[in-house]
Amino acid sequence: MQHDIAGKNPAPRDTLGDRAARDPAVARVFARFGIDYCCRGWQRLDEACQKLGISAADVEAAIQEETAAHPESRTIGWDQLSLRDLVNHVLTIYHEPLRPELERLHDLAIKVARVHGKKDPDRLPALEEAVRDLREDLLHHMQKEEVVLFPLICEKRGPLLTGPMTVMHHEHETTGALLSRIRTLTGQFQAPDEACNSWRALYSGLEALEFSIMQHINFEEHVLFPRGLQLNQGTAT
């Protein structure tokens, strides 16, 4: 089954999204090189590297090193799990911990902007606004998935999935744009030398949040949604 929600349909197991979904080591390396494997996960590695001006061979070598350093990292057989198991994975691994973390980081962003805003007036107030927007965006997005899309997937209502999945895909792109703005406003999550512990904790937390959300989106776009769309052919379980 080829994933074509975004209008892109290369062989799935060659794409950034599928490789990252199958092996956590690959996702970590892609993140290190600044490769967008979720919202642009339909690309192949050589295509993404060409656009970024980096060597695909260097990335592949880093993946081999990462895999060797972390032997516990293994290819994950998501196709062996049921649709309900995949949905439960999203809920327990991503949705449940994300809600309190968004609240924590938003509160921290407010505090840092209030106390240190005059030290960096061009970025800290804007960062607080971006974190607030990300929080509101994701809370609404997750609610729609839980109330509308996920029940349809679990009930195997294949013909009804294309519309909601298309909406979710466009919202994922919005989330990706917000993450990119946060990365820019934090200077790639590099706190200045004079930053206090709260300031540093905010940047560190936002970096970890970005990685988690990218894994979250990637799993939905390149594992859950394609499996759900197979319901149209009556092949998914």
C-alpha atoms as a PDB file:
ATOM      1  CA  MET A   1       0.000   0.000   0.000  1.00  0.00           C
ATOM      2  CA  GLN A   2       1.421   3.376  -0.954  1.00  0.00           C
ATOM      3  CA  HIS A   3       0.796   6.368   1.263  1.00  0.00           C
ATOM      4  CA  ASP A   4      -0.658   9.170  -0.859  1.00  0.00           C
ATOM      5  CA  ILE A   5      -2.450  11.467   1.604  1.00  0.00           C
ATOM      6  CA  ALA A   6       0.117  14.147   0.806  1.00  0.00           C
ATOM      7  CA  GLY A   7       0.021  13.375  -2.894  1.00  0.00           C
ATOM      8  CA  LYS A   8       3.438  11.698  -2.668  1.00  0.00           C
ATOM      9  CA  ASN A   9       3.814   7.988  -3.143  1.00  0.00           C
ATOM     10  CA  PRO A  10       7.356   6.583  -3.456  1.00  0.00           C
ATOM     11  CA  ALA A  11       7.936   2.996  -2.343  1.00  0.00           C
ATOM     12  CA  PRO A  12       7.069   3.267   1.381  1.00  0.00           C
ATOM     13  CA  ARG A  13      10.013   1.328   2.775  1.00  0.00           C
ATOM     14  CA  ASP A  14      12.455   3.659   1.006  1.00  0.00           C
ATOM     15  CA  THR A  15      11.071   6.860   2.513  1.00  0.00           C
ATOM     16  CA  LEU A  16      12.396   8.883   5.427  1.00  0.00           C
ATOM     17  CA  GLY A  17       9.154   8.408   7.325  1.00  0.00           C
ATOM     18  CA  ASP A  18       9.069   4.656   7.057  1.00  0.00           C
ATOM     19  CA  ARG A  19      12.745   4.245   7.938  1.00  0.00           C
ATOM     20  CA  ALA A  20      12.367   6.439  11.009  1.00  0.00           C
ATOM     21  CA  ALA A  21       9.190   4.653  12.101  1.00  0.00           C
ATOM     22  CA  ARG A  22      10.814   1.231  11.844  1.00  0.00           C
ATOM     23  CA  ASP A  23      14.046   2.073  13.677  1.00  0.00           C
ATOM     24  CA  PRO A  24      14.479   4.634  16.503  1.00  0.00           C
ATOM     25  CA  ALA A  25      18.209   4.893  15.711  1.00  0.00           C
ATOM     26  CA  VAL A  26      17.363   6.269  12.276  1.00  0.00           C
ATOM     27  CA  ALA A  27      15.025   8.884  13.768  1.00  0.00           C
ATOM     28  CA  ARG A  28      17.742  10.085  16.137  1.00  0.00           C
ATOM     29  CA  VAL A  29      20.236  10.495  13.306  1.00  0.00           C
ATOM     30  CA  PHE A  30      17.748  12.281  11.081  1.00  0.00           C
ATOM     31  CA  ALA A  31      17.033  14.712  13.923  1.00  0.00           C
ATOM     32  CA  ARG A  32      20.749  15.313  14.434  1.00  0.00           C
ATOM     33  CA  PHE A  33      21.190  16.262  10.782  1.00  0.00           C
ATOM     34  CA  GLY A  34      18.050  18.417  10.709  1.00  0.00           C
ATOM     35  CA  ILE A  35      16.240  16.075   8.314  1.00  0.00           C
ATOM     36  CA  ASP A  36      12.446  16.433   8.458  1.00  0.00           C
ATOM     37  CA  TYR A  37      11.231  12.852   8.453  1.00  0.00           C
ATOM     38  CA  CYS A  38       7.619  13.512   9.487  1.00  0.00           C
ATOM     39  CA  CYS A  39       6.015  16.325   7.491  1.00  0.00           C
ATOM     40  CA  ARG A  40       8.439  15.638   4.620  1.00  0.00           C
ATOM     41  CA  GLY A  41       8.652  11.947   5.352  1.00  0.00           C
ATOM     42  CA  TRP A  42       7.559  10.943   1.841  1.00  0.00           C
ATOM     43  CA  GLN A  43      11.030  11.878   0.551  1.00  0.00           C
ATOM     44  CA  ARG A  44      13.943   9.514   0.163  1.00  0.00           C
ATOM     45  CA  LEU A  45      17.207  10.205   1.954  1.00  0.00           C
ATOM     46  CA  ASP A  46      19.125  11.242  -1.166  1.00  0.00           C
ATOM     47  CA  GLU A  47      16.403  13.744  -2.086  1.00  0.00           C
ATOM     48  CA  ALA A  48      16.328  15.289   1.403  1.00  0.00           C
ATOM     49  CA  CYS A  49      20.121  15.487   1.629  1.00  0.00           C
ATOM     50  CA  GLN A  50      20.398  17.144  -1.774  1.00  0.00           C
ATOM     51  CA  LYS A  51      17.973  19.873  -0.672  1.00  0.00           C
ATOM     52  CA  LEU A  52      19.887  20.384   2.586  1.00  0.00           C
ATOM     53  CA  GLY A  53      23.292  20.324   0.928  1.00  0.00           C
ATOM     54  CA  ILE A  54      24.590  17.439   3.022  1.00  0.00           C
ATOM     55  CA  SER A  55      26.016  14.039   2.148  1.00  0.00           C
ATOM     56  CA  ALA A  56      23.623  11.085   2.159  1.00  0.00           C
ATOM     57  CA  ALA A  57      26.649   8.831   2.626  1.00  0.00           C
ATOM     58  CA  ASP A  58      27.559  10.695   5.821  1.00  0.00           C
ATOM     59  CA  VAL A  59      24.020  10.242   7.132  1.00  0.00           C
ATOM     60  CA  GLU A  60      24.032   6.523   6.314  1.00  0.00           C
ATOM     61  CA  ALA A  61      27.394   6.154   8.077  1.00  0.00           C
ATOM     62  CA  ALA A  62      26.005   7.937  11.132  1.00  0.00           C
ATOM     63  CA  ILE A  63      23.008   5.584  11.131  1.00  0.00           C
ATOM     64  CA  GLN A  64      25.325   2.581  11.141  1.00  0.00           C
ATOM     65  CA  GLU A  65      27.310   4.074  14.033  1.00  0.00           C
ATOM     66  CA  GLU A  66      24.145   4.857  15.995  1.00  0.00           C
ATOM     67  CA  THR A  67      22.794   1.348  15.496  1.00  0.00           C
ATOM     68  CA  ALA A  68      26.095  -0.185  16.594  1.00  0.00           C
ATOM     69  CA  ALA A  69      26.216   2.039  19.691  1.00  0.00           C
ATOM     70  CA  HIS A  70      22.641   1.142  20.635  1.00  0.00           C
ATOM     71  CA  PRO A  71      22.107  -2.554  19.912  1.00  0.00           C
ATOM     72  CA  GLU A  72      18.759  -2.387  21.698  1.00  0.00           C
ATOM     73  CA  SER A  73      17.505  -0.315  18.769  1.00  0.00           C
ATOM     74  CA  ARG A  74      15.836  -2.679  16.343  1.00  0.00           C
ATOM     75  CA  THR A  75      13.538  -2.696  13.393  1.00  0.00           C
ATOM     76  CA  ILE A  76       9.978  -2.533  14.673  1.00  0.00           C
ATOM     77  CA  GLY A  77       7.332  -4.735  13.049  1.00  0.00           C
ATOM     78  CA  TRP A  78       4.334  -2.445  13.343  1.00  0.00           C
ATOM     79  CA  ASP A  79       2.556  -4.495  10.687  1.00  0.00           C
ATOM     80  CA  GLN A  80       2.271  -7.318  13.235  1.00  0.00           C
ATOM     81  CA  LEU A  81       0.024  -5.231  15.505  1.00  0.00           C
ATOM     82  CA  SER A  82      -3.710  -4.672  15.140  1.00  0.00           C
ATOM     83  CA  LEU A  83      -5.183  -1.275  14.299  1.00  0.00           C
ATOM     84  CA  ARG A  84      -6.505  -0.951  17.847  1.00  0.00           C
ATOM     85  CA  ASP A  85      -2.999  -1.679  19.192  1.00  0.00           C
ATOM     86  CA  LEU A  86      -1.549   1.024  16.947  1.00  0.00           C
ATOM     87  CA  VAL A  87      -4.135   3.545  18.136  1.00  0.00           C
ATOM     88  CA  ASN A  88      -3.436   2.622  21.767  1.00  0.00           C
ATOM     89  CA  HIS A  89       0.271   3.151  21.095  1.00  0.00           C
ATOM     90  CA  VAL A  90      -0.419   6.719  19.939  1.00  0.00           C
ATOM     91  CA  LEU A  91      -2.647   7.416  22.939  1.00  0.00           C
ATOM     92  CA  THR A  92      -0.328   6.053  25.629  1.00  0.00           C
ATOM     93  CA  ILE A  93       3.089   6.944  24.208  1.00  0.00           C
ATOM     94  CA  TYR A  94       2.278  10.333  22.693  1.00  0.00           C
ATOM     95  CA  HIS A  95      -1.094  11.863  23.597  1.00  0.00           C
ATOM     96  CA  GLU A  96      -1.181  11.201  27.340  1.00  0.00           C
ATOM     97  CA  PRO A  97       2.302  12.568  28.212  1.00  0.00           C
ATOM     98  CA  LEU A  98       2.074  15.399  25.678  1.00  0.00           C
ATOM     99  CA  ARG A  99      -0.779  17.257  27.371  1.00  0.00           C
ATOM    100  CA  PRO A 100       0.979  17.926  30.717  1.00  0.00           C
ATOM    101  CA  GLU A 101       4.278  18.635  28.954  1.00  0.00           C
ATOM    102  CA  LEU A 102       2.672  21.293  26.778  1.00  0.00           C
ATOM    103  CA  GLU A 103       1.250  22.945  29.908  1.00  0.00           C
ATOM    104  CA  ARG A 104       4.613  22.786  31.683  1.00  0.00           C
ATOM    105  CA  LEU A 105       6.555  24.295  28.812  1.00  0.00           C
ATOM    106  CA  HIS A 106       3.961  26.982  28.186  1.00  0.00           C
ATOM    107  CA  ASP A 107       4.119  28.034  31.844  1.00  0.00           C
ATOM    108  CA  LEU A 108       7.913  28.030  31.660  1.00  0.00           C
ATOM    109  CA  ALA A 109       7.886  30.114  28.466  1.00  0.00           C
ATOM    110  CA  ILE A 110       5.619  32.679  30.159  1.00  0.00           C
ATOM    111  CA  LYS A 111       7.979  32.858  33.135  1.00  0.00           C
ATOM    112  CA  VAL A 112      11.120  33.257  31.026  1.00  0.00           C
ATOM    113  CA  ALA A 113       9.533  35.910  28.811  1.00  0.00           C
ATOM    114  CA  ARG A 114       8.288  37.836  31.839  1.00  0.00           C
ATOM    115  CA  VAL A 115      11.594  37.762  33.743  1.00  0.00           C
ATOM    116  CA  HIS A 116      14.087  37.967  30.889  1.00  0.00           C
ATOM    117  CA  GLY A 117      12.110  39.490  28.024  1.00  0.00           C
ATOM    118  CA  LYS A 118      14.096  42.739  28.130  1.00  0.00           C
ATOM    119  CA  LYS A 119      17.333  40.815  27.584  1.00  0.00           C
ATOM    120  CA  ASP A 120      16.073  39.418  24.279  1.00  0.00           C
ATOM    121  CA  PRO A 121      12.996  41.456  23.286  1.00  0.00           C
ATOM    122  CA  ASP A 122      13.083  40.283  19.688  1.00  0.00           C
ATOM    123  CA  ARG A 123      12.766  36.596  20.489  1.00  0.00           C
ATOM    124  CA  LEU A 124      11.552  35.707  23.987  1.00  0.00           C
ATOM    125  CA  PRO A 125       8.079  37.300  23.775  1.00  0.00           C
ATOM    126  CA  ALA A 126       7.668  35.804  20.298  1.00  0.00           C
ATOM    127  CA  LEU A 127       8.802  32.435  21.644  1.00  0.00           C
ATOM    128  CA  GLU A 128       6.166  32.525  24.383  1.00  0.00           C
ATOM    129  CA  GLU A 129       3.535  33.236  21.724  1.00  0.00           C
ATOM    130  CA  ALA A 130       4.789  30.389  19.517  1.00  0.00           C
ATOM    131  CA  VAL A 131       4.742  27.910  22.402  1.00  0.00           C
ATOM    132  CA  ARG A 132       1.204  29.036  23.261  1.00  0.00           C
ATOM    133  CA  ASP A 133       0.136  28.565  19.636  1.00  0.00           C
ATOM    134  CA  LEU A 134       1.715  25.106  19.559  1.00  0.00           C
ATOM    135  CA  ARG A 135      -0.073  24.144  22.755  1.00  0.00           C
ATOM    136  CA  GLU A 136      -3.475  25.253  21.441  1.00  0.00           C
ATOM    137  CA  ASP A 137      -2.841  23.666  18.044  1.00  0.00           C
ATOM    138  CA  LEU A 138      -1.939  20.267  19.460  1.00  0.00           C
ATOM    139  CA  LEU A 139      -4.638  20.141  22.130  1.00  0.00           C
ATOM    140  CA  HIS A 140      -7.347  20.737  19.519  1.00  0.00           C
ATOM    141  CA  HIS A 141      -5.686  18.370  17.067  1.00  0.00           C
ATOM    142  CA  MET A 142      -5.452  15.486  19.545  1.00  0.00           C
ATOM    143  CA  GLN A 143      -9.052  15.965  20.620  1.00  0.00           C
ATOM    144  CA  LYS A 144     -10.254  15.666  17.019  1.00  0.00           C
ATOM    145  CA  GLU A 145      -8.197  12.536  16.496  1.00  0.00           C
ATOM    146  CA  GLU A 146      -9.540  10.936  19.666  1.00  0.00           C
ATOM    147  CA  VAL A 147     -13.183  11.860  19.074  1.00  0.00           C
ATOM    148  CA  VAL A 148     -13.455  11.392  15.303  1.00  0.00           C
ATOM    149  CA  LEU A 149     -10.555   9.681  13.529  1.00  0.00           C
ATOM    150  CA  PHE A 150      -9.341   7.032  15.961  1.00  0.00           C
ATOM    151  CA  PRO A 151     -12.818   5.543  16.595  1.00  0.00           C
ATOM    152  CA  LEU A 152     -13.313   5.264  12.822  1.00  0.00           C
ATOM    153  CA  ILE A 153     -10.001   3.439  12.526  1.00  0.00           C
ATOM    154  CA  CYS A 154     -10.793   1.061  15.387  1.00  0.00           C
ATOM    155  CA  GLU A 155     -14.268   0.400  13.955  1.00  0.00           C
ATOM    156  CA  LYS A 156     -12.670  -0.316  10.544  1.00  0.00           C
ATOM    157  CA  ARG A 157     -14.733   2.342   8.778  1.00  0.00           C
ATOM    158  CA  GLY A 158     -12.323   2.542   5.847  1.00  0.00           C
ATOM    159  CA  PRO A 159     -14.465   4.489   3.341  1.00  0.00           C
ATOM    160  CA  LEU A 160     -14.934   7.285   5.895  1.00  0.00           C
ATOM    161  CA  LEU A 161     -11.244   7.776   6.708  1.00  0.00           C
ATOM    162  CA  THR A 162      -9.866   9.694   3.744  1.00  0.00           C
ATOM    163  CA  GLY A 163     -11.441  13.051   4.632  1.00  0.00           C
ATOM    164  CA  PRO A 164     -10.439  13.128   8.326  1.00  0.00           C
ATOM    165  CA  MET A 165      -6.951  11.865   7.494  1.00  0.00           C
ATOM    166  CA  THR A 166      -6.486  14.612   4.928  1.00  0.00           C
ATOM    167  CA  VAL A 167      -7.475  17.198   7.552  1.00  0.00           C
ATOM    168  CA  MET A 168      -5.045  15.672  10.037  1.00  0.00           C
ATOM    169  CA  HIS A 169      -2.273  15.738   7.447  1.00  0.00           C
ATOM    170  CA  HIS A 170      -2.745  19.477   6.836  1.00  0.00           C
ATOM    171  CA  GLU A 171      -2.787  20.082  10.596  1.00  0.00           C
ATOM    172  CA  HIS A 172       0.455  18.126  10.919  1.00  0.00           C
ATOM    173  CA  GLU A 173       2.011  20.547   8.445  1.00  0.00           C
ATOM    174  CA  THR A 174       0.825  23.457  10.595  1.00  0.00           C
ATOM    175  CA  THR A 175       2.424  21.826  13.626  1.00  0.00           C
ATOM    176  CA  GLY A 176       5.639  21.364  11.675  1.00  0.00           C
ATOM    177  CA  ALA A 177       5.693  25.059  10.797  1.00  0.00           C
ATOM    178  CA  LEU A 178       5.232  26.000  14.468  1.00  0.00           C
ATOM    179  CA  LEU A 179       8.075  23.693  15.483  1.00  0.00           C
ATOM    180  CA  SER A 180      10.289  25.277  12.846  1.00  0.00           C
ATOM    181  CA  ARG A 181       9.466  28.737  14.191  1.00  0.00           C
ATOM    182  CA  ILE A 182      10.319  27.650  17.737  1.00  0.00           C
ATOM    183  CA  ARG A 183      13.614  26.185  16.562  1.00  0.00           C
ATOM    184  CA  THR A 184      14.474  29.463  14.841  1.00  0.00           C
ATOM    185  CA  LEU A 185      13.476  31.635  17.817  1.00  0.00           C
ATOM    186  CA  THR A 186      15.619  29.531  20.179  1.00  0.00           C
ATOM    187  CA  GLY A 187      18.635  29.642  17.861  1.00  0.00           C
ATOM    188  CA  GLN A 188      18.508  25.865  17.392  1.00  0.00           C
ATOM    189  CA  PHE A 189      17.785  25.467  21.119  1.00  0.00           C
ATOM    190  CA  GLN A 190      21.078  27.093  22.115  1.00  0.00           C
ATOM    191  CA  ALA A 191      20.559  29.144  25.263  1.00  0.00           C
ATOM    192  CA  PRO A 192      22.802  32.222  25.643  1.00  0.00           C
ATOM    193  CA  ASP A 193      25.666  32.182  28.131  1.00  0.00           C
ATOM    194  CA  GLU A 194      23.789  34.444  30.554  1.00  0.00           C
ATOM    195  CA  ALA A 195      20.683  32.229  30.569  1.00  0.00           C
ATOM    196  CA  CYS A 196      19.376  31.119  33.965  1.00  0.00           C
ATOM    197  CA  ASN A 197      18.379  27.553  34.793  1.00  0.00           C
ATOM    198  CA  SER A 198      14.747  28.163  33.825  1.00  0.00           C
ATOM    199  CA  TRP A 199      15.764  29.598  30.483  1.00  0.00           C
ATOM    200  CA  ARG A 200      18.019  26.608  29.795  1.00  0.00           C
ATOM    201  CA  ALA A 201      15.337  24.182  30.972  1.00  0.00           C
ATOM    202  CA  LEU A 202      12.862  25.768  28.550  1.00  0.00           C
ATOM    203  CA  TYR A 203      15.167  25.351  25.562  1.00  0.00           C
ATOM    204  CA  SER A 204      16.100  21.803  26.550  1.00  0.00           C
ATOM    205  CA  GLY A 205      12.453  20.888  27.046  1.00  0.00           C
ATOM    206  CA  LEU A 206      11.451  22.381  23.709  1.00  0.00           C
ATOM    207  CA  GLU A 207      14.167  20.427  21.918  1.00  0.00           C
ATOM    208  CA  ALA A 208      12.964  17.172  23.492  1.00  0.00           C
ATOM    209  CA  LEU A 209       9.377  18.134  22.670  1.00  0.00           C
ATOM    210  CA  GLU A 210      10.257  18.708  19.023  1.00  0.00           C
ATOM    211  CA  PHE A 211      11.784  15.234  18.731  1.00  0.00           C
ATOM    212  CA  SER A 212       8.801  13.584  20.422  1.00  0.00           C
ATOM    213  CA  ILE A 213       6.275  15.409  18.239  1.00  0.00           C
ATOM    214  CA  MET A 214       8.193  14.517  15.086  1.00  0.00           C
ATOM    215  CA  GLN A 215       8.116  10.852  16.093  1.00  0.00           C
ATOM    216  CA  HIS A 216       4.407  11.233  16.921  1.00  0.00           C
ATOM    217  CA  ILE A 217       3.519  12.751  13.558  1.00  0.00           C
ATOM    218  CA  ASN A 218       5.744  10.328  11.696  1.00  0.00           C
ATOM    219  CA  PHE A 219       4.073   7.328  13.327  1.00  0.00           C
ATOM    220  CA  GLU A 220       0.636   8.548  12.346  1.00  0.00           C
ATOM    221  CA  GLU A 221       1.589   9.551   8.802  1.00  0.00           C
ATOM    222  CA  HIS A 222       3.684   6.507   7.936  1.00  0.00           C
ATOM    223  CA  VAL A 223       2.320   3.693  10.085  1.00  0.00           C
ATOM    224  CA  LEU A 224      -1.198   4.296  11.416  1.00  0.00           C
ATOM    225  CA  PHE A 225      -2.770   6.219   8.540  1.00  0.00           C
ATOM    226  CA  PRO A 226      -1.523   3.919   5.747  1.00  0.00           C
ATOM    227  CA  ARG A 227      -2.739   0.879   7.698  1.00  0.00           C
ATOM    228  CA  GLY A 228      -6.107   2.542   8.225  1.00  0.00           C
ATOM    229  CA  LEU A 229      -6.430   3.344   4.522  1.00  0.00           C
ATOM    230  CA  GLN A 230      -5.934  -0.333   3.705  1.00  0.00           C
ATOM    231  CA  LEU A 231      -9.428  -0.786   5.121  1.00  0.00           C
ATOM    232  CA  ASN A 232     -10.717   0.500   1.808  1.00  0.00           C
ATOM    233  CA  GLN A 233      -9.377  -2.700   0.281  1.00  0.00           C
ATOM    234  CA  GLY A 234     -10.517  -4.796   3.239  1.00  0.00           C
ATOM    235  CA  THR A 235      -6.958  -5.962   4.047  1.00  0.00           C
ATOM    236  CA  ALA A 236      -6.141  -4.322   7.403  1.00  0.00           C
ATOM    237  CA  THR A 237      -6.804  -5.937  10.769  1.00  0.00           C
END
